[in-house]
Amino acid sequence: MAPSLCLYVHWLQSYNEKTSVFKTSLKVSLKVICARALITIQQSNTSIKRHSFSIITS
């Protein structure tokens, strides 16, 4: 009984480590995606402003 319990505890710890690593990578990738989206939005906003400015000035 004791060896199997130790194995189970060991498996549980390694499983928790794997899931925490997965969760962290998921959080990081979400942050990266959000940052990229924000950058893209800012870039498109600037290009729209430039475009409208060139229409106004022309």
N, C-alpha and C. Protein backbone atom coordinates (compact mmCIF):
# COMPACT_ATOMS: atom_id res chain seq x y z
N MET A 1 0.82 -1.19 0.00
CA MET A 1 0.00 0.00 0.00
C MET A 1 0.87 1.26 0.00
N ALA A 2 1.87 1.28 0.86
CA ALA A 2 2.71 2.48 0.99
C ALA A 2 3.44 2.84 -0.31
N PRO A 3 4.07 1.87 -1.02
CA PRO A 3 4.78 2.23 -2.26
C PRO A 3 3.85 2.85 -3.31
N SER A 4 2.67 2.28 -3.47
CA SER A 4 1.74 2.81 -4.46
C SER A 4 1.28 4.22 -4.08
N LEU A 5 1.13 4.44 -2.78
CA LEU A 5 0.74 5.77 -2.31
C LEU A 5 1.84 6.78 -2.62
N CYS A 6 3.10 6.37 -2.40
CA CYS A 6 4.24 7.24 -2.71
C CYS A 6 4.28 7.54 -4.20
N LEU A 7 4.05 6.50 -5.01
CA LEU A 7 4.03 6.69 -6.46
C LEU A 7 2.93 7.66 -6.86
N TYR A 8 1.76 7.51 -6.25
CA TYR A 8 0.63 8.39 -6.55
C TYR A 8 0.95 9.85 -6.19
N VAL A 9 1.56 10.03 -5.00
CA VAL A 9 1.93 11.38 -4.57
C VAL A 9 2.95 11.96 -5.54
N HIS A 10 3.92 11.14 -5.94
CA HIS A 10 4.95 11.59 -6.89
C HIS A 10 4.30 11.98 -8.22
N TRP A 11 3.38 11.15 -8.69
CA TRP A 11 2.68 11.43 -9.95
C TRP A 11 1.87 12.72 -9.84
N LEU A 12 1.22 12.90 -8.69
CA LEU A 12 0.41 14.08 -8.46
C LEU A 12 1.28 15.34 -8.50
N GLN A 13 2.44 15.28 -7.86
CA GLN A 13 3.36 16.42 -7.84
C GLN A 13 3.83 16.75 -9.26
N SER A 14 4.24 15.73 -10.00
CA SER A 14 4.72 15.98 -11.36
C SER A 14 3.58 16.49 -12.24
N TYR A 15 2.38 15.96 -12.04
CA TYR A 15 1.22 16.41 -12.81
C TYR A 15 0.92 17.87 -12.50
N ASN A 16 0.99 18.24 -11.21
CA ASN A 16 0.76 19.64 -10.82
C ASN A 16 1.80 20.56 -11.42
N GLU A 17 3.07 20.10 -11.44
CA GLU A 17 4.14 20.90 -12.04
C GLU A 17 3.86 21.12 -13.52
N LYS A 18 3.47 20.04 -14.20
CA LYS A 18 3.19 20.14 -15.64
C LYS A 18 2.03 21.10 -15.89
N THR A 19 0.96 20.98 -15.11
CA THR A 19 -0.19 21.84 -15.33
C THR A 19 0.14 23.29 -14.99
N SER A 20 0.94 23.51 -13.96
CA SER A 20 1.30 24.89 -13.61
C SER A 20 2.16 25.50 -14.72
N VAL A 21 3.06 24.69 -15.29
CA VAL A 21 3.87 25.15 -16.42
C VAL A 21 2.96 25.49 -17.60
N PHE A 22 1.99 24.62 -17.84
CA PHE A 22 1.04 24.85 -18.93
C PHE A 22 0.24 26.13 -18.70
N LYS A 23 -0.21 26.31 -17.45
CA LYS A 23 -0.98 27.51 -17.11
C LYS A 23 -0.15 28.76 -17.30
N THR A 24 1.13 28.70 -16.86
CA THR A 24 2.00 29.86 -17.00
C THR A 24 2.23 30.18 -18.46
N SER A 25 2.50 29.16 -19.28
CA SER A 25 2.73 29.40 -20.71
C SER A 25 1.47 29.93 -21.37
N LEU A 26 0.32 29.46 -20.91
CA LEU A 26 -0.95 29.95 -21.43
C LEU A 26 -1.12 31.43 -21.10
N LYS A 27 -0.83 31.79 -19.85
CA LYS A 27 -0.92 33.19 -19.43
C LYS A 27 0.01 34.05 -20.26
N VAL A 28 1.25 33.57 -20.44
CA VAL A 28 2.25 34.33 -21.19
C VAL A 28 1.79 34.52 -22.63
N SER A 29 1.30 33.43 -23.25
CA SER A 29 0.86 33.53 -24.64
C SER A 29 -0.33 34.46 -24.77
N LEU A 30 -1.22 34.44 -23.78
CA LEU A 30 -2.36 35.36 -23.81
C LEU A 30 -1.89 36.81 -23.71
N LYS A 31 -0.91 37.05 -22.84
CA LYS A 31 -0.36 38.40 -22.70
C LYS A 31 0.26 38.85 -24.02
N VAL A 32 1.01 37.94 -24.65
CA VAL A 32 1.67 38.26 -25.92
C VAL A 32 0.63 38.58 -26.98
N ILE A 33 -0.42 37.76 -27.04
CA ILE A 33 -1.49 37.97 -28.02
C ILE A 33 -2.16 39.33 -27.78
N CYS A 34 -2.45 39.64 -26.53
CA CYS A 34 -3.08 40.92 -26.19
C CYS A 34 -2.17 42.08 -26.55
N ALA A 35 -0.89 41.95 -26.26
CA ALA A 35 0.07 43.02 -26.58
C ALA A 35 0.15 43.22 -28.09
N ARG A 36 0.22 42.13 -28.84
CA ARG A 36 0.26 42.23 -30.30
C ARG A 36 -1.00 42.88 -30.84
N ALA A 37 -2.14 42.50 -30.29
CA ALA A 37 -3.41 43.07 -30.74
C ALA A 37 -3.43 44.57 -30.46
N LEU A 38 -2.97 44.97 -29.29
CA LEU A 38 -2.93 46.40 -28.94
C LEU A 38 -2.01 47.16 -29.88
N ILE A 39 -0.85 46.58 -30.17
CA ILE A 39 0.11 47.22 -31.09
C ILE A 39 -0.52 47.37 -32.47
N THR A 40 -1.19 46.33 -32.94
CA THR A 40 -1.84 46.37 -34.25
C THR A 40 -2.91 47.44 -34.28
N ILE A 41 -3.71 47.52 -33.22
CA ILE A 41 -4.78 48.53 -33.13
C ILE A 41 -4.16 49.93 -33.15
N GLN A 42 -3.09 50.14 -32.38
CA GLN A 42 -2.44 51.44 -32.35
C GLN A 42 -1.89 51.81 -33.71
N GLN A 43 -1.25 50.82 -34.39
CA GLN A 43 -0.69 51.07 -35.71
C GLN A 43 -1.78 51.43 -36.71
N SER A 44 -2.90 50.68 -36.68
CA SER A 44 -3.99 50.97 -37.61
C SER A 44 -4.61 52.33 -37.31
N ASN A 45 -4.71 52.68 -36.02
CA ASN A 45 -5.23 53.99 -35.65
C ASN A 45 -4.34 55.09 -36.18
N THR A 46 -3.01 54.93 -36.09
CA THR A 46 -2.10 55.95 -36.58
C THR A 46 -2.19 56.06 -38.09
N SER A 47 -2.29 54.92 -38.78
CA SER A 47 -2.38 54.96 -40.24
C SER A 47 -3.69 55.62 -40.67
N ILE A 48 -4.78 55.36 -39.92
CA ILE A 48 -6.07 56.01 -40.23
C ILE A 48 -5.95 57.51 -40.02
N LYS A 49 -5.30 57.92 -38.91
CA LYS A 49 -5.12 59.35 -38.64
C LYS A 49 -4.29 60.00 -39.73
N ARG A 50 -3.20 59.33 -40.14
CA ARG A 50 -2.35 59.86 -41.20
C ARG A 50 -3.15 60.00 -42.48
N HIS A 51 -3.93 58.98 -42.78
CA HIS A 51 -4.71 58.95 -44.01
C HIS A 51 -5.72 60.11 -44.03
N SER A 52 -6.45 60.27 -42.94
CA SER A 52 -7.44 61.35 -42.86
C SER A 52 -6.75 62.70 -42.88
N PHE A 53 -5.56 62.78 -42.28
CA PHE A 53 -4.81 64.03 -42.27
C PHE A 53 -4.38 64.39 -43.69
N SER A 54 -3.92 63.38 -44.46
CA SER A 54 -3.50 63.65 -45.84
C SER A 54 -4.69 64.04 -46.70
N ILE A 55 -5.88 63.49 -46.41
CA ILE A 55 -7.09 63.89 -47.15
C ILE A 55 -7.44 65.34 -46.85
N ILE A 56 -7.32 65.70 -45.56
CA ILE A 56 -7.66 67.07 -45.14
C ILE A 56 -6.67 68.06 -45.78
N THR A 57 -5.38 67.71 -45.76
CA THR A 57 -4.36 68.64 -46.24
C THR A 57 -4.35 68.73 -47.77
N SER A 58 -4.78 67.69 -48.47
CA SER A 58 -4.70 67.71 -49.93
C SER A 58 -5.79 68.55 -50.59
